[in-house]
Amino acid sequence: MKRIMLFTRRDLLAGSAAAVSTAALPAATAAQPAGRQTPGVYRIKLGSFEVTALYDGTWFRKIDGKFVRNASSADVNRALADAFLPPNIVPTSFTALLVDTGKGRVLIDAGTGGQLGPTTGYLGGALAAAGVDPKRIGTVLVTHFHPDHINGIRDKDGAKVFPNAEIKVPAREWDYWMDDARLSAATDAARPQFLNARRIFRDIAGEVMRFEPGKEAAPGIVPLAAYGHTPGHTVYSIASGRQSMLVLGDTTNHPWLFARYPEWQGAFDVDGSMAVAARKKLLDRAAADRMLVHGYHFPFPAIGHIAKRGKGYEVVPTMWQPL
């Protein structure tokens, strides 16, 4: 028996309308690839404080056998492979932290200023996406003077990015990098860092406040000595109510390397043994106290916890929350 298909006038009209609608569409309706991410902003509540992670980009750093002083290239590349990363390249991301205490806004580290290549310098866009005017930031706290932490204090033309902010730095860090005798004696590799610190700070030296560890640098934010990575490398403890967070700065640098292998000494550590001791002390504390942590070079949003894993440590990223 043949099956008879019956079409109503409504069916025919609907089909005609669909055909006209489809024909009216542009030939290419597929979305074009954007080629870049949207600004990176992530907020958490810490007691009465609001803490915002601000993504500044990633530097795809090419490395050689000297990148880790006390590990072979084979060992380093094996660690990169274990983290599903290509050999001889360390993708180093940069995430600054903005703390709104209710009394003011405090930025911890100022980013790269876009001066480490085209995949860096997104802090301004992240601030804009977060609805924060750089003029409304009252304090900039610095962990140390490496360029990826201080270059964002100025734009590429040398103007102040945070014109109304107090700039507060560790006194020991200032004394080291701004010392003319050390500049004169610096190696060819270290000399650019001394010169860069002068470029950023020299003409505002009278405005820069220097502090010692152990006393509040801003409400609820206390600097802690973590010397070794640089002579004055400083981390910060943030506390509000019963909640606290440890801002680790460059304690681990890339976590898949220097957290998993805490004994490794990076070529960028001024005192490798001291850096290792500071790293293990801080990560032991964070793991034992189950503290929330922020790592400047952790993958965005660079917030999570530290878990002890045998002789090393693992970064456990925070779960993304919509509110």
C-alpha atoms as a PDB file:
ATOM      1  CA  MET A   1       0.000   0.000   0.000  1.00  0.00           C
ATOM      2  CA  LYS A   2       1.318   3.343  -0.949  1.00  0.00           C
ATOM      3  CA  ARG A   3       1.643   5.909   1.845  1.00  0.00           C
ATOM      4  CA  ILE A   4      -0.164   9.124   0.964  1.00  0.00           C
ATOM      5  CA  MET A   5       1.378  12.361   2.338  1.00  0.00           C
ATOM      6  CA  LEU A   6      -1.164  15.107   2.996  1.00  0.00           C
ATOM      7  CA  PHE A   7       0.015  18.736   3.217  1.00  0.00           C
ATOM      8  CA  THR A   8      -2.160  21.518   4.493  1.00  0.00           C
ATOM      9  CA  ARG A   9      -2.025  25.080   3.274  1.00  0.00           C
ATOM     10  CA  ARG A  10      -0.374  25.999   6.613  1.00  0.00           C
ATOM     11  CA  ASP A  11       2.417  23.462   5.963  1.00  0.00           C
ATOM     12  CA  LEU A  12       3.106  24.890   2.536  1.00  0.00           C
ATOM     13  CA  LEU A  13       3.196  28.478   3.793  1.00  0.00           C
ATOM     14  CA  ALA A  14       5.511  27.537   6.670  1.00  0.00           C
ATOM     15  CA  GLY A  15       7.843  25.774   4.276  1.00  0.00           C
ATOM     16  CA  SER A  16       7.927  28.759   1.935  1.00  0.00           C
ATOM     17  CA  ALA A  17       8.681  31.110   4.824  1.00  0.00           C
ATOM     18  CA  ALA A  18      11.556  28.915   5.995  1.00  0.00           C
ATOM     19  CA  ALA A  19      12.995  28.832   2.488  1.00  0.00           C
ATOM     20  CA  VAL A  20      12.812  32.608   2.192  1.00  0.00           C
ATOM     21  CA  SER A  21      14.324  33.063   5.659  1.00  0.00           C
ATOM     22  CA  THR A  22      17.217  30.726   4.855  1.00  0.00           C
ATOM     23  CA  ALA A  23      17.867  32.346   1.521  1.00  0.00           C
ATOM     24  CA  ALA A  24      18.027  35.748   3.157  1.00  0.00           C
ATOM     25  CA  LEU A  25      20.868  34.670   5.457  1.00  0.00           C
ATOM     26  CA  PRO A  26      24.441  35.725   4.582  1.00  0.00           C
ATOM     27  CA  ALA A  27      26.524  33.121   2.802  1.00  0.00           C
ATOM     28  CA  ALA A  28      28.950  32.877   5.754  1.00  0.00           C
ATOM     29  CA  THR A  29      27.155  32.610   9.086  1.00  0.00           C
ATOM     30  CA  ALA A  30      29.911  30.877  11.070  1.00  0.00           C
ATOM     31  CA  ALA A  31      31.477  32.947  13.862  1.00  0.00           C
ATOM     32  CA  GLN A  32      34.948  34.182  13.041  1.00  0.00           C
ATOM     33  CA  PRO A  33      37.670  33.195  15.531  1.00  0.00           C
ATOM     34  CA  ALA A  34      38.467  36.038  17.929  1.00  0.00           C
ATOM     35  CA  GLY A  35      42.076  34.957  18.315  1.00  0.00           C
ATOM     36  CA  ARG A  36      42.404  36.220  21.885  1.00  0.00           C
ATOM     37  CA  GLN A  37      40.831  35.840  25.303  1.00  0.00           C
ATOM     38  CA  THR A  38      38.541  38.275  27.051  1.00  0.00           C
ATOM     39  CA  PRO A  39      40.018  40.132  30.075  1.00  0.00           C
ATOM     40  CA  GLY A  40      40.820  37.856  33.000  1.00  0.00           C
ATOM     41  CA  VAL A  41      39.011  38.886  36.202  1.00  0.00           C
ATOM     42  CA  TYR A  42      38.081  36.631  39.129  1.00  0.00           C
ATOM     43  CA  ARG A  43      36.686  37.763  42.484  1.00  0.00           C
ATOM     44  CA  ILE A  44      36.506  36.025  45.834  1.00  0.00           C
ATOM     45  CA  LYS A  45      35.231  37.120  49.221  1.00  0.00           C
ATOM     46  CA  LEU A  46      37.740  37.016  52.074  1.00  0.00           C
ATOM     47  CA  GLY A  47      35.962  37.988  55.261  1.00  0.00           C
ATOM     48  CA  SER A  48      34.718  41.504  54.590  1.00  0.00           C
ATOM     49  CA  PHE A  49      37.342  42.053  51.864  1.00  0.00           C
ATOM     50  CA  GLU A  50      36.812  41.533  48.158  1.00  0.00           C
ATOM     51  CA  VAL A  51      39.889  40.097  46.451  1.00  0.00           C
ATOM     52  CA  THR A  52      40.171  40.277  42.664  1.00  0.00           C
ATOM     53  CA  ALA A  53      42.658  38.361  40.525  1.00  0.00           C
ATOM     54  CA  LEU A  54      43.701  40.377  37.445  1.00  0.00           C
ATOM     55  CA  TYR A  55      45.357  38.555  34.565  1.00  0.00           C
ATOM     56  CA  ASP A  56      48.246  40.389  32.898  1.00  0.00           C
ATOM     57  CA  GLY A  57      49.281  37.788  30.324  1.00  0.00           C
ATOM     58  CA  THR A  58      51.722  34.938  29.826  1.00  0.00           C
ATOM     59  CA  TRP A  59      55.364  34.902  28.815  1.00  0.00           C
ATOM     60  CA  PHE A  60      56.368  31.803  26.847  1.00  0.00           C
ATOM     61  CA  ARG A  61      59.892  31.692  28.142  1.00  0.00           C
ATOM     62  CA  LYS A  62      62.452  29.683  26.213  1.00  0.00           C
ATOM     63  CA  ILE A  63      64.866  27.956  28.554  1.00  0.00           C
ATOM     64  CA  ASP A  64      68.197  26.182  28.326  1.00  0.00           C
ATOM     65  CA  GLY A  65      70.167  23.860  30.554  1.00  0.00           C
ATOM     66  CA  LYS A  66      70.974  26.697  32.965  1.00  0.00           C
ATOM     67  CA  PHE A  67      67.342  27.465  33.883  1.00  0.00           C
ATOM     68  CA  VAL A  68      67.566  25.256  36.995  1.00  0.00           C
ATOM     69  CA  ARG A  69      70.966  25.273  38.648  1.00  0.00           C
ATOM     70  CA  ASN A  70      70.730  21.883  40.317  1.00  0.00           C
ATOM     71  CA  ALA A  71      68.675  19.876  37.820  1.00  0.00           C
ATOM     72  CA  SER A  72      69.444  18.660  34.322  1.00  0.00           C
ATOM     73  CA  SER A  73      67.596  19.718  31.177  1.00  0.00           C
ATOM     74  CA  ALA A  74      66.259  16.176  30.953  1.00  0.00           C
ATOM     75  CA  ASP A  75      64.775  16.404  34.455  1.00  0.00           C
ATOM     76  CA  VAL A  76      63.239  19.820  33.772  1.00  0.00           C
ATOM     77  CA  ASN A  77      61.754  18.693  30.468  1.00  0.00           C
ATOM     78  CA  ARG A  78      60.397  15.557  32.129  1.00  0.00           C
ATOM     79  CA  ALA A  79      58.636  17.785  34.679  1.00  0.00           C
ATOM     80  CA  LEU A  80      57.231  19.914  31.865  1.00  0.00           C
ATOM     81  CA  ALA A  81      56.013  16.800  30.047  1.00  0.00           C
ATOM     82  CA  ASP A  82      54.331  15.581  33.250  1.00  0.00           C
ATOM     83  CA  ALA A  83      52.415  18.881  33.222  1.00  0.00           C
ATOM     84  CA  PHE A  84      51.480  18.384  29.536  1.00  0.00           C
ATOM     85  CA  LEU A  85      53.760  21.228  28.458  1.00  0.00           C
ATOM     86  CA  PRO A  86      56.213  21.291  25.543  1.00  0.00           C
ATOM     87  CA  PRO A  87      59.962  20.940  26.164  1.00  0.00           C
ATOM     88  CA  ASN A  88      62.292  23.894  26.663  1.00  0.00           C
ATOM     89  CA  ILE A  89      59.468  26.437  27.104  1.00  0.00           C
ATOM     90  CA  VAL A  90      58.084  27.558  30.439  1.00  0.00           C
ATOM     91  CA  PRO A  91      54.740  29.361  30.043  1.00  0.00           C
ATOM     92  CA  THR A  92      54.891  31.899  32.867  1.00  0.00           C
ATOM     93  CA  SER A  93      51.635  33.664  33.587  1.00  0.00           C
ATOM     94  CA  PHE A  94      51.254  36.904  35.531  1.00  0.00           C
ATOM     95  CA  THR A  95      48.321  37.620  37.835  1.00  0.00           C
ATOM     96  CA  ALA A  96      48.210  40.651  40.115  1.00  0.00           C
ATOM     97  CA  LEU A  97      45.874  40.834  43.100  1.00  0.00           C
ATOM     98  CA  LEU A  98      43.564  43.701  43.994  1.00  0.00           C
ATOM     99  CA  VAL A  99      42.274  43.866  47.556  1.00  0.00           C
ATOM    100  CA  ASP A 100      39.280  46.053  48.369  1.00  0.00           C
ATOM    101  CA  THR A 101      39.357  46.436  52.141  1.00  0.00           C
ATOM    102  CA  GLY A 102      36.252  48.627  52.317  1.00  0.00           C
ATOM    103  CA  LYS A 103      38.532  51.532  53.204  1.00  0.00           C
ATOM    104  CA  GLY A 104      40.567  51.528  50.003  1.00  0.00           C
ATOM    105  CA  ARG A 105      41.923  49.492  47.124  1.00  0.00           C
ATOM    106  CA  VAL A 106      45.333  47.826  47.394  1.00  0.00           C
ATOM    107  CA  LEU A 107      47.099  46.338  44.367  1.00  0.00           C
ATOM    108  CA  ILE A 108      49.742  43.717  45.078  1.00  0.00           C
ATOM    109  CA  ASP A 109      52.322  43.874  42.262  1.00  0.00           C
ATOM    110  CA  ALA A 110      51.803  45.986  39.176  1.00  0.00           C
ATOM    111  CA  GLY A 111      52.333  43.577  36.303  1.00  0.00           C
ATOM    112  CA  THR A 112      54.617  43.689  33.295  1.00  0.00           C
ATOM    113  CA  GLY A 113      53.471  46.911  31.667  1.00  0.00           C
ATOM    114  CA  GLY A 114      53.336  44.904  28.436  1.00  0.00           C
ATOM    115  CA  GLN A 115      57.119  44.953  28.275  1.00  0.00           C
ATOM    116  CA  LEU A 116      57.712  41.208  28.096  1.00  0.00           C
ATOM    117  CA  GLY A 117      56.260  40.650  24.651  1.00  0.00           C
ATOM    118  CA  PRO A 118      52.901  40.810  22.874  1.00  0.00           C
ATOM    119  CA  THR A 119      51.252  38.204  25.095  1.00  0.00           C
ATOM    120  CA  THR A 120      51.642  40.391  28.206  1.00  0.00           C
ATOM    121  CA  GLY A 121      50.285  43.735  29.364  1.00  0.00           C
ATOM    122  CA  TYR A 122      46.606  42.944  29.861  1.00  0.00           C
ATOM    123  CA  LEU A 123      46.326  44.316  33.392  1.00  0.00           C
ATOM    124  CA  GLY A 124      44.760  47.586  32.225  1.00  0.00           C
ATOM    125  CA  GLY A 125      42.068  45.713  30.331  1.00  0.00           C
ATOM    126  CA  ALA A 126      41.393  43.498  33.339  1.00  0.00           C
ATOM    127  CA  LEU A 127      41.017  46.556  35.583  1.00  0.00           C
ATOM    128  CA  ALA A 128      38.611  48.116  33.085  1.00  0.00           C
ATOM    129  CA  ALA A 129      36.587  44.896  32.913  1.00  0.00           C
ATOM    130  CA  ALA A 130      36.470  44.870  36.723  1.00  0.00           C
ATOM    131  CA  GLY A 131      35.182  48.449  36.685  1.00  0.00           C
ATOM    132  CA  VAL A 132      38.238  49.820  38.497  1.00  0.00           C
ATOM    133  CA  ASP A 133      39.813  53.140  37.521  1.00  0.00           C
ATOM    134  CA  PRO A 134      43.606  53.006  38.134  1.00  0.00           C
ATOM    135  CA  LYS A 135      43.278  56.506  39.606  1.00  0.00           C
ATOM    136  CA  ARG A 136      41.136  55.025  42.382  1.00  0.00           C
ATOM    137  CA  ILE A 137      43.806  52.597  43.581  1.00  0.00           C
ATOM    138  CA  GLY A 138      45.211  53.975  46.817  1.00  0.00           C
ATOM    139  CA  THR A 139      48.168  51.655  47.459  1.00  0.00           C
ATOM    140  CA  VAL A 140      50.511  49.521  45.370  1.00  0.00           C
ATOM    141  CA  LEU A 141      52.449  46.911  47.348  1.00  0.00           C
ATOM    142  CA  VAL A 142      55.468  45.294  45.707  1.00  0.00           C
ATOM    143  CA  THR A 143      56.799  41.808  46.449  1.00  0.00           C
ATOM    144  CA  HIS A 144      60.169  42.408  44.759  1.00  0.00           C
ATOM    145  CA  PHE A 145      61.833  44.376  41.981  1.00  0.00           C
ATOM    146  CA  HIS A 146      61.935  41.945  39.076  1.00  0.00           C
ATOM    147  CA  PRO A 147      60.563  43.669  35.950  1.00  0.00           C
ATOM    148  CA  ASP A 148      57.394  41.573  35.673  1.00  0.00           C
ATOM    149  CA  HIS A 149      56.300  42.892  39.081  1.00  0.00           C
ATOM    150  CA  ILE A 150      57.181  46.587  38.830  1.00  0.00           C
ATOM    151  CA  ASN A 151      57.127  47.595  35.158  1.00  0.00           C
ATOM    152  CA  GLY A 152      53.381  48.162  35.282  1.00  0.00           C
ATOM    153  CA  ILE A 153      53.901  51.092  37.655  1.00  0.00           C
ATOM    154  CA  ARG A 154      54.633  53.130  34.524  1.00  0.00           C
ATOM    155  CA  ASP A 155      53.273  52.946  31.004  1.00  0.00           C
ATOM    156  CA  LYS A 156      55.549  52.624  27.972  1.00  0.00           C
ATOM    157  CA  ASP A 157      55.934  56.398  27.824  1.00  0.00           C
ATOM    158  CA  GLY A 158      57.024  56.596  31.462  1.00  0.00           C
ATOM    159  CA  ALA A 159      53.802  58.067  32.891  1.00  0.00           C
ATOM    160  CA  LYS A 160      52.457  56.827  36.219  1.00  0.00           C
ATOM    161  CA  VAL A 161      49.721  54.241  35.754  1.00  0.00           C
ATOM    162  CA  PHE A 162      48.449  54.644  39.335  1.00  0.00           C
ATOM    163  CA  PRO A 163      48.965  58.383  39.853  1.00  0.00           C
ATOM    164  CA  ASN A 164      47.210  58.619  43.223  1.00  0.00           C
ATOM    165  CA  ALA A 165      48.625  55.471  44.801  1.00  0.00           C
ATOM    166  CA  GLU A 166      51.187  55.202  47.565  1.00  0.00           C
ATOM    167  CA  ILE A 167      53.954  52.898  46.343  1.00  0.00           C
ATOM    168  CA  LYS A 168      55.199  50.697  49.178  1.00  0.00           C
ATOM    169  CA  VAL A 169      58.211  48.407  48.792  1.00  0.00           C
ATOM    170  CA  PRO A 170      60.341  46.186  51.046  1.00  0.00           C
ATOM    171  CA  ALA A 171      63.197  48.268  52.476  1.00  0.00           C
ATOM    172  CA  ARG A 172      65.700  45.451  51.996  1.00  0.00           C
ATOM    173  CA  GLU A 173      64.708  45.134  48.328  1.00  0.00           C
ATOM    174  CA  TRP A 174      65.121  48.875  47.788  1.00  0.00           C
ATOM    175  CA  ASP A 175      68.517  48.929  49.479  1.00  0.00           C
ATOM    176  CA  TYR A 176      69.828  46.160  47.232  1.00  0.00           C
ATOM    177  CA  TRP A 177      68.628  47.228  43.783  1.00  0.00           C
ATOM    178  CA  MET A 178      69.105  50.962  44.274  1.00  0.00           C
ATOM    179  CA  ASP A 179      72.660  50.639  45.591  1.00  0.00           C
ATOM    180  CA  ASP A 180      75.162  52.204  43.165  1.00  0.00           C
ATOM    181  CA  ALA A 181      78.044  50.049  44.360  1.00  0.00           C
ATOM    182  CA  ARG A 182      76.095  46.872  43.598  1.00  0.00           C
ATOM    183  CA  LEU A 183      75.156  48.263  40.201  1.00  0.00           C
ATOM    184  CA  SER A 184      78.836  48.851  39.423  1.00  0.00           C
ATOM    185  CA  ALA A 185      79.718  45.308  40.489  1.00  0.00           C
ATOM    186  CA  ALA A 186      76.734  43.631  38.786  1.00  0.00           C
ATOM    187  CA  THR A 187      77.202  40.904  36.201  1.00  0.00           C
ATOM    188  CA  ASP A 188      76.100  41.496  32.635  1.00  0.00           C
ATOM    189  CA  ALA A 189      73.039  39.335  33.293  1.00  0.00           C
ATOM    190  CA  ALA A 190      71.983  41.233  36.437  1.00  0.00           C
ATOM    191  CA  ARG A 191      72.844  44.767  35.340  1.00  0.00           C
ATOM    192  CA  PRO A 192      69.621  45.339  33.315  1.00  0.00           C
ATOM    193  CA  GLN A 193      67.542  44.612  36.411  1.00  0.00           C
ATOM    194  CA  PHE A 194      69.420  47.246  38.416  1.00  0.00           C
ATOM    195  CA  LEU A 195      68.929  49.768  35.609  1.00  0.00           C
ATOM    196  CA  ASN A 196      65.260  48.878  35.265  1.00  0.00           C
ATOM    197  CA  ALA A 197      64.639  49.497  38.972  1.00  0.00           C
ATOM    198  CA  ARG A 198      66.149  52.957  38.558  1.00  0.00           C
ATOM    199  CA  ARG A 199      64.002  53.616  35.499  1.00  0.00           C
ATOM    200  CA  ILE A 200      60.878  52.856  37.500  1.00  0.00           C
ATOM    201  CA  PHE A 201      61.743  54.455  40.832  1.00  0.00           C
ATOM    202  CA  ARG A 202      64.530  57.022  40.587  1.00  0.00           C
ATOM    203  CA  ASP A 203      62.473  60.166  39.917  1.00  0.00           C
ATOM    204  CA  ILE A 204      59.796  59.154  42.453  1.00  0.00           C
ATOM    205  CA  ALA A 205      62.229  57.954  45.120  1.00  0.00           C
ATOM    206  CA  GLY A 206      60.956  60.542  47.585  1.00  0.00           C
ATOM    207  CA  GLU A 207      57.414  59.223  47.199  1.00  0.00           C
ATOM    208  CA  VAL A 208      58.195  55.534  47.610  1.00  0.00           C
ATOM    209  CA  MET A 209      57.595  54.243  51.127  1.00  0.00           C
ATOM    210  CA  ARG A 210      59.888  51.509  52.414  1.00  0.00           C
ATOM    211  CA  PHE A 211      58.715  49.044  55.051  1.00  0.00           C
ATOM    212  CA  GLU A 212      60.049  46.241  57.206  1.00  0.00           C
ATOM    213  CA  PRO A 213      58.318  42.844  57.431  1.00  0.00           C
ATOM    214  CA  GLY A 214      55.970  42.092  60.297  1.00  0.00           C
ATOM    215  CA  LYS A 215      53.951  45.325  60.451  1.00  0.00           C
ATOM    216  CA  GLU A 216      50.793  46.137  58.505  1.00  0.00           C
ATOM    217  CA  ALA A 217      51.521  47.674  55.120  1.00  0.00           C
ATOM    218  CA  ALA A 218      47.788  48.231  54.545  1.00  0.00           C
ATOM    219  CA  PRO A 219      44.697  47.361  56.592  1.00  0.00           C
ATOM    220  CA  GLY A 220      44.714  43.606  57.172  1.00  0.00           C
ATOM    221  CA  ILE A 221      47.789  43.065  54.986  1.00  0.00           C
ATOM    222  CA  VAL A 222      51.071  42.134  56.678  1.00  0.00           C
ATOM    223  CA  PRO A 223      54.371  41.640  54.779  1.00  0.00           C
ATOM    224  CA  LEU A 224      56.432  38.554  55.590  1.00  0.00           C
ATOM    225  CA  ALA A 225      60.097  38.022  54.763  1.00  0.00           C
ATOM    226  CA  ALA A 226      60.710  35.391  52.066  1.00  0.00           C
ATOM    227  CA  TYR A 227      64.270  36.271  51.092  1.00  0.00           C
ATOM    228  CA  GLY A 228      66.287  34.327  48.545  1.00  0.00           C
ATOM    229  CA  HIS A 229      64.530  34.733  45.226  1.00  0.00           C
ATOM    230  CA  THR A 230      65.709  38.316  45.622  1.00  0.00           C
ATOM    231  CA  PRO A 231      67.407  39.825  48.687  1.00  0.00           C
ATOM    232  CA  GLY A 232      64.194  41.490  49.850  1.00  0.00           C
ATOM    233  CA  HIS A 233      61.548  39.189  48.358  1.00  0.00           C
ATOM    234  CA  THR A 234      58.409  39.639  50.435  1.00  0.00           C
ATOM    235  CA  VAL A 235      55.094  37.817  50.603  1.00  0.00           C
ATOM    236  CA  TYR A 236      51.866  39.048  52.175  1.00  0.00           C
ATOM    237  CA  SER A 237      49.367  37.666  54.643  1.00  0.00           C
ATOM    238  CA  ILE A 238      45.857  39.026  54.132  1.00  0.00           C
ATOM    239  CA  ALA A 239      43.366  38.572  56.976  1.00  0.00           C
ATOM    240  CA  SER A 240      39.781  39.698  57.414  1.00  0.00           C
ATOM    241  CA  GLY A 241      37.661  38.298  60.190  1.00  0.00           C
ATOM    242  CA  ARG A 242      38.413  34.593  60.486  1.00  0.00           C
ATOM    243  CA  GLN A 243      39.557  34.209  56.909  1.00  0.00           C
ATOM    244  CA  SER A 244      43.100  34.590  55.640  1.00  0.00           C
ATOM    245  CA  MET A 245      45.140  34.217  52.497  1.00  0.00           C
ATOM    246  CA  LEU A 246      48.852  33.933  51.782  1.00  0.00           C
ATOM    247  CA  VAL A 247      50.112  35.892  48.751  1.00  0.00           C
ATOM    248  CA  LEU A 248      53.219  33.953  47.751  1.00  0.00           C
ATOM    249  CA  GLY A 249      54.718  36.254  45.127  1.00  0.00           C
ATOM    250  CA  ASP A 250      57.477  34.274  43.404  1.00  0.00           C
ATOM    251  CA  THR A 251      57.899  31.697  46.156  1.00  0.00           C
ATOM    252  CA  THR A 252      57.292  28.888  43.671  1.00  0.00           C
ATOM    253  CA  ASN A 253      57.650  30.693  40.341  1.00  0.00           C
ATOM    254  CA  HIS A 254      56.221  28.066  37.950  1.00  0.00           C
ATOM    255  CA  PRO A 255      54.367  25.655  40.276  1.00  0.00           C
ATOM    256  CA  TRP A 256      54.693  22.550  38.115  1.00  0.00           C
ATOM    257  CA  LEU A 257      58.438  22.895  38.513  1.00  0.00           C
ATOM    258  CA  PHE A 258      59.330  24.576  41.792  1.00  0.00           C
ATOM    259  CA  ALA A 259      56.390  23.400  43.911  1.00  0.00           C
ATOM    260  CA  ARG A 260      56.625  19.804  42.747  1.00  0.00           C
ATOM    261  CA  TYR A 261      60.412  19.985  43.090  1.00  0.00           C
ATOM    262  CA  PRO A 262      60.971  22.469  45.930  1.00  0.00           C
ATOM    263  CA  GLU A 263      64.709  21.782  46.164  1.00  0.00           C
ATOM    264  CA  TRP A 264      65.291  23.129  42.661  1.00  0.00           C
ATOM    265  CA  GLN A 265      67.072  26.465  42.449  1.00  0.00           C
ATOM    266  CA  GLY A 266      66.102  28.742  39.590  1.00  0.00           C
ATOM    267  CA  ALA A 267      68.739  30.663  37.699  1.00  0.00           C
ATOM    268  CA  PHE A 268      66.761  33.812  38.597  1.00  0.00           C
ATOM    269  CA  ASP A 269      67.168  33.208  42.362  1.00  0.00           C
ATOM    270  CA  VAL A 270      69.777  35.569  43.797  1.00  0.00           C
ATOM    271  CA  ASP A 271      70.436  33.109  46.642  1.00  0.00           C
ATOM    272  CA  GLY A 272      69.229  29.650  45.626  1.00  0.00           C
ATOM    273  CA  SER A 273      69.643  27.932  49.004  1.00  0.00           C
ATOM    274  CA  MET A 274      67.832  30.725  50.805  1.00  0.00           C
ATOM    275  CA  ALA A 275      65.038  30.676  48.223  1.00  0.00           C
ATOM    276  CA  VAL A 276      64.563  26.933  48.755  1.00  0.00           C
ATOM    277  CA  ALA A 277      64.391  27.366  52.541  1.00  0.00           C
ATOM    278  CA  ALA A 278      61.821  30.173  52.236  1.00  0.00           C
ATOM    279  CA  ARG A 279      59.784  28.161  49.723  1.00  0.00           C
ATOM    280  CA  LYS A 280      59.569  25.053  51.885  1.00  0.00           C
ATOM    281  CA  LYS A 281      58.759  27.035  55.013  1.00  0.00           C
ATOM    282  CA  LEU A 282      55.896  28.919  53.361  1.00  0.00           C
ATOM    283  CA  LEU A 283      54.467  25.934  51.495  1.00  0.00           C
ATOM    284  CA  ASP A 284      54.626  23.805  54.672  1.00  0.00           C
ATOM    285  CA  ARG A 285      52.690  26.517  56.490  1.00  0.00           C
ATOM    286  CA  ALA A 286      50.116  26.846  53.724  1.00  0.00           C
ATOM    287  CA  ALA A 287      49.600  23.076  53.537  1.00  0.00           C
ATOM    288  CA  ALA A 288      49.430  22.534  57.306  1.00  0.00           C
ATOM    289  CA  ASP A 289      46.999  25.413  57.884  1.00  0.00           C
ATOM    290  CA  ARG A 290      44.990  24.641  54.720  1.00  0.00           C
ATOM    291  CA  MET A 291      45.324  28.289  53.790  1.00  0.00           C
ATOM    292  CA  LEU A 292      44.035  29.898  50.644  1.00  0.00           C
ATOM    293  CA  VAL A 293      47.022  31.017  48.568  1.00  0.00           C
ATOM    294  CA  HIS A 294      47.765  33.214  45.579  1.00  0.00           C
ATOM    295  CA  GLY A 295      50.806  32.636  43.386  1.00  0.00           C
ATOM    296  CA  TYR A 296      51.801  35.347  40.941  1.00  0.00           C
ATOM    297  CA  HIS A 297      52.853  32.741  38.361  1.00  0.00           C
ATOM    298  CA  PHE A 298      50.119  30.178  39.018  1.00  0.00           C
ATOM    299  CA  PRO A 299      47.715  29.576  36.104  1.00  0.00           C
ATOM    300  CA  PHE A 300      44.853  32.092  36.206  1.00  0.00           C
ATOM    301  CA  PRO A 301      43.037  32.826  38.475  1.00  0.00           C
ATOM    302  CA  ALA A 302      46.183  31.937  40.420  1.00  0.00           C
ATOM    303  CA  ILE A 303      44.260  31.115  43.600  1.00  0.00           C
ATOM    304  CA  GLY A 304      44.018  27.777  45.371  1.00  0.00           C
ATOM    305  CA  HIS A 305      45.535  25.645  48.096  1.00  0.00           C
ATOM    306  CA  ILE A 306      48.823  23.831  48.671  1.00  0.00           C
ATOM    307  CA  ALA A 307      48.867  20.079  49.313  1.00  0.00           C
ATOM    308  CA  LYS A 308      51.905  18.136  50.470  1.00  0.00           C
ATOM    309  CA  ARG A 309      52.811  15.358  48.029  1.00  0.00           C
ATOM    310  CA  GLY A 310      55.737  13.241  49.200  1.00  0.00           C
ATOM    311  CA  LYS A 311      58.835  15.429  49.091  1.00  0.00           C
ATOM    312  CA  GLY A 312      57.062  18.101  47.062  1.00  0.00           C
ATOM    313  CA  TYR A 313      53.854  20.068  46.895  1.00  0.00           C
ATOM    314  CA  GLU A 314      50.891  20.369  44.575  1.00  0.00           C
ATOM    315  CA  VAL A 315      48.825  23.442  43.775  1.00  0.00           C
ATOM    316  CA  VAL A 316      45.122  22.623  44.010  1.00  0.00           C
ATOM    317  CA  PRO A 317      43.273  25.338  42.046  1.00  0.00           C
ATOM    318  CA  THR A 318      40.195  26.918  43.527  1.00  0.00           C
ATOM    319  CA  MET A 319      36.884  25.917  41.995  1.00  0.00           C
ATOM    320  CA  TRP A 320      35.435  28.705  39.877  1.00  0.00           C
ATOM    321  CA  GLN A 321      32.419  30.267  41.584  1.00  0.00           C
ATOM    322  CA  PRO A 322      29.847  32.384  39.718  1.00  0.00           C
ATOM    323  CA  LEU A 323      29.176  34.579  42.760  1.00  0.00           C
END
